[in-house]
Amino acid sequence: MSENSISVIKPYKWEGLWVFDDPRVDLVREPFVAGADTMIDIALQEKGIENADSGFLLVFSATRFPGVDLELSWVKEDCGGNVYCWKEANMEGWLCPALLKYFAEPPQTIFAQLKAAA
């Protein structure tokens, strides 16, 4: 996928974990763990998105776009994935190797928007 493209996934809660499915890149119940899950909880609370456990839209890109809620900065490679920092919340979260299904290499910055699902 192009580094300038915008991707959309629909995370939801499964067995107490934030996960998402994306048949386009062969992912099923891909979990957010190691701080990324906590970032989602806090961002959803800040946005006031209700019923997000059933699914919400997570729009993301390596390029800034209108309506961005989060800006995550690359920190380091770790355990085959990559650690990103959400400076505004003073948090770090690990993104697993599935990140490379959306980017050719880990971007220096990931811009994200959270939206209620229809």
C-alpha atoms as a PDB file:
ATOM      1  CA  MET A   1       0.000   0.000   0.000  1.00  0.00           C
ATOM      2  CA  SER A   2       1.116   3.527  -0.673  1.00  0.00           C
ATOM      3  CA  GLU A   3       2.521   5.569   2.203  1.00  0.00           C
ATOM      4  CA  ASN A   4       0.104   8.348   1.188  1.00  0.00           C
ATOM      5  CA  SER A   5      -2.971   6.150   1.421  1.00  0.00           C
ATOM      6  CA  ILE A   6      -5.505   6.307   4.204  1.00  0.00           C
ATOM      7  CA  SER A   7      -6.510   2.990   5.725  1.00  0.00           C
ATOM      8  CA  VAL A   8      -9.590   2.142   7.765  1.00  0.00           C
ATOM      9  CA  ILE A   9     -10.092  -0.720  10.185  1.00  0.00           C
ATOM     10  CA  LYS A  10     -12.943  -1.449  12.611  1.00  0.00           C
ATOM     11  CA  PRO A  11     -11.579  -2.495  16.017  1.00  0.00           C
ATOM     12  CA  TYR A  12     -13.978  -4.151  18.452  1.00  0.00           C
ATOM     13  CA  LYS A  13     -13.776  -5.898  21.817  1.00  0.00           C
ATOM     14  CA  TRP A  14     -13.419  -9.675  21.800  1.00  0.00           C
ATOM     15  CA  GLU A  15     -12.827 -11.584  25.036  1.00  0.00           C
ATOM     16  CA  GLY A  16     -11.842  -8.283  26.681  1.00  0.00           C
ATOM     17  CA  LEU A  17      -9.237  -7.400  24.024  1.00  0.00           C
ATOM     18  CA  TRP A  18      -9.308  -4.778  21.283  1.00  0.00           C
ATOM     19  CA  VAL A  19      -8.993  -6.694  18.001  1.00  0.00           C
ATOM     20  CA  PHE A  20      -9.750  -6.117  14.342  1.00  0.00           C
ATOM     21  CA  ASP A  21     -10.370  -8.125  11.201  1.00  0.00           C
ATOM     22  CA  ASP A  22      -9.148  -7.136   7.763  1.00  0.00           C
ATOM     23  CA  PRO A  23      -9.726  -9.801   5.121  1.00  0.00           C
ATOM     24  CA  ARG A  24      -7.891  -7.637   2.531  1.00  0.00           C
ATOM     25  CA  VAL A  25      -4.609  -8.407   4.339  1.00  0.00           C
ATOM     26  CA  ASP A  26      -5.554 -11.782   5.894  1.00  0.00           C
ATOM     27  CA  LEU A  27      -5.963 -10.611   9.490  1.00  0.00           C
ATOM     28  CA  VAL A  28      -8.577 -12.046  11.853  1.00  0.00           C
ATOM     29  CA  ARG A  29      -8.908 -10.929  15.479  1.00  0.00           C
ATOM     30  CA  GLU A  30      -5.546  -9.174  15.306  1.00  0.00           C
ATOM     31  CA  PRO A  31      -5.062  -7.814  18.837  1.00  0.00           C
ATOM     32  CA  PHE A  32      -3.900  -4.458  20.113  1.00  0.00           C
ATOM     33  CA  VAL A  33      -1.688  -5.133  23.159  1.00  0.00           C
ATOM     34  CA  ALA A  34       1.210  -3.704  25.173  1.00  0.00           C
ATOM     35  CA  GLY A  35      -0.115  -0.172  25.630  1.00  0.00           C
ATOM     36  CA  ALA A  36      -1.821   0.220  22.251  1.00  0.00           C
ATOM     37  CA  ASP A  37      -5.006  -1.114  23.855  1.00  0.00           C
ATOM     38  CA  THR A  38      -4.817   1.489  26.629  1.00  0.00           C
ATOM     39  CA  MET A  39      -4.246   4.249  24.060  1.00  0.00           C
ATOM     40  CA  ILE A  40      -7.464   3.159  22.334  1.00  0.00           C
ATOM     41  CA  ASP A  41      -9.397   3.214  25.617  1.00  0.00           C
ATOM     42  CA  ILE A  42      -8.221   6.736  26.457  1.00  0.00           C
ATOM     43  CA  ALA A  43      -8.722   8.116  22.937  1.00  0.00           C
ATOM     44  CA  LEU A  44     -12.262   6.711  22.820  1.00  0.00           C
ATOM     45  CA  GLN A  45     -13.041   8.228  26.194  1.00  0.00           C
ATOM     46  CA  GLU A  46     -11.699  11.622  25.061  1.00  0.00           C
ATOM     47  CA  LYS A  47     -13.779  11.460  21.872  1.00  0.00           C
ATOM     48  CA  GLY A  48     -16.875  10.337  23.752  1.00  0.00           C
ATOM     49  CA  ILE A  49     -17.583   7.513  21.326  1.00  0.00           C
ATOM     50  CA  GLU A  50     -20.309   5.360  22.839  1.00  0.00           C
ATOM     51  CA  ASN A  51     -20.754   1.634  22.262  1.00  0.00           C
ATOM     52  CA  ALA A  52     -17.247   1.425  20.807  1.00  0.00           C
ATOM     53  CA  ASP A  53     -16.883  -2.126  22.167  1.00  0.00           C
ATOM     54  CA  SER A  54     -19.156  -3.229  19.318  1.00  0.00           C
ATOM     55  CA  GLY A  55     -16.812  -1.569  16.831  1.00  0.00           C
ATOM     56  CA  PHE A  56     -15.569   1.866  15.854  1.00  0.00           C
ATOM     57  CA  LEU A  57     -13.714   3.149  12.814  1.00  0.00           C
ATOM     58  CA  LEU A  58      -9.991   3.770  13.088  1.00  0.00           C
ATOM     59  CA  VAL A  59      -8.758   5.816  10.140  1.00  0.00           C
ATOM     60  CA  PHE A  60      -4.958   6.066   9.841  1.00  0.00           C
ATOM     61  CA  SER A  61      -2.178   7.220   7.562  1.00  0.00           C
ATOM     62  CA  ALA A  62       1.494   8.159   7.528  1.00  0.00           C
ATOM     63  CA  THR A  63       0.374  11.518   6.126  1.00  0.00           C
ATOM     64  CA  ARG A  64      -1.596  14.104   8.114  1.00  0.00           C
ATOM     65  CA  PHE A  65      -5.226  14.439   7.027  1.00  0.00           C
ATOM     66  CA  PRO A  66      -8.170  16.610   8.171  1.00  0.00           C
ATOM     67  CA  GLY A  67      -9.778  15.574  11.448  1.00  0.00           C
ATOM     68  CA  VAL A  68      -6.770  13.793  12.963  1.00  0.00           C
ATOM     69  CA  ASP A  69      -7.240  12.888  16.650  1.00  0.00           C
ATOM     70  CA  LEU A  70      -3.912  11.213  17.393  1.00  0.00           C
ATOM     71  CA  GLU A  71      -0.349  11.715  16.268  1.00  0.00           C
ATOM     72  CA  LEU A  72       1.912   8.798  17.143  1.00  0.00           C
ATOM     73  CA  SER A  73       5.689   9.126  16.835  1.00  0.00           C
ATOM     74  CA  TRP A  74       7.999   6.171  16.214  1.00  0.00           C
ATOM     75  CA  VAL A  75      10.248   5.378  19.183  1.00  0.00           C
ATOM     76  CA  LYS A  76      11.990   2.066  18.444  1.00  0.00           C
ATOM     77  CA  GLU A  77      11.737  -1.452  17.085  1.00  0.00           C
ATOM     78  CA  ASP A  78      10.935  -4.023  19.771  1.00  0.00           C
ATOM     79  CA  CYS A  79      10.114  -7.744  19.654  1.00  0.00           C
ATOM     80  CA  GLY A  80       9.470  -7.688  15.898  1.00  0.00           C
ATOM     81  CA  GLY A  81       7.039  -4.784  16.183  1.00  0.00           C
ATOM     82  CA  ASN A  82       7.397  -1.068  16.763  1.00  0.00           C
ATOM     83  CA  VAL A  83       6.829   1.199  19.749  1.00  0.00           C
ATOM     84  CA  TYR A  84       5.030   4.495  19.157  1.00  0.00           C
ATOM     85  CA  CYS A  85       4.590   7.448  21.510  1.00  0.00           C
ATOM     86  CA  TRP A  86       1.397   9.482  21.900  1.00  0.00           C
ATOM     87  CA  LYS A  87       3.064  12.598  23.305  1.00  0.00           C
ATOM     88  CA  GLU A  88      -0.146  14.424  24.250  1.00  0.00           C
ATOM     89  CA  ALA A  89      -1.108  11.572  26.589  1.00  0.00           C
ATOM     90  CA  ASN A  90       2.468  10.741  27.622  1.00  0.00           C
ATOM     91  CA  MET A  91       1.935   7.111  26.584  1.00  0.00           C
ATOM     92  CA  GLU A  92       3.707   4.482  24.547  1.00  0.00           C
ATOM     93  CA  GLY A  93       2.193   1.507  22.780  1.00  0.00           C
ATOM     94  CA  TRP A  94       3.547  -1.403  20.774  1.00  0.00           C
ATOM     95  CA  LEU A  95       2.243  -2.116  17.292  1.00  0.00           C
ATOM     96  CA  CYS A  96       2.817  -5.666  16.107  1.00  0.00           C
ATOM     97  CA  PRO A  97       4.351  -6.708  12.767  1.00  0.00           C
ATOM     98  CA  ALA A  98       0.864  -6.503  11.183  1.00  0.00           C
ATOM     99  CA  LEU A  99       1.681  -2.783  10.828  1.00  0.00           C
ATOM    100  CA  LEU A 100       3.717  -3.785   7.779  1.00  0.00           C
ATOM    101  CA  LYS A 101       0.547  -5.012   6.064  1.00  0.00           C
ATOM    102  CA  TYR A 102      -0.336  -1.307   5.772  1.00  0.00           C
ATOM    103  CA  PHE A 103       3.076   0.339   5.367  1.00  0.00           C
ATOM    104  CA  ALA A 104       6.202  -0.749   3.465  1.00  0.00           C
ATOM    105  CA  GLU A 105       8.228   0.181   6.546  1.00  0.00           C
ATOM    106  CA  PRO A 106       7.270   1.569   9.955  1.00  0.00           C
ATOM    107  CA  PRO A 107       6.376   5.226   9.437  1.00  0.00           C
ATOM    108  CA  GLN A 108       8.024   7.886  11.585  1.00  0.00           C
ATOM    109  CA  THR A 109       4.556   9.254  12.354  1.00  0.00           C
ATOM    110  CA  ILE A 110       1.115   7.697  12.268  1.00  0.00           C
ATOM    111  CA  PHE A 111      -1.899   9.993  12.152  1.00  0.00           C
ATOM    112  CA  ALA A 112      -5.204   8.545  13.308  1.00  0.00           C
ATOM    113  CA  GLN A 113      -8.849   9.486  13.643  1.00  0.00           C
ATOM    114  CA  LEU A 114     -11.461   7.605  15.669  1.00  0.00           C
ATOM    115  CA  LYS A 115     -15.085   7.672  14.519  1.00  0.00           C
ATOM    116  CA  ALA A 116     -18.281   6.047  15.636  1.00  0.00           C
ATOM    117  CA  ALA A 117     -19.345   3.185  13.401  1.00  0.00           C
ATOM    118  CA  ALA A 118     -22.691   3.496  11.660  1.00  0.00           C
END
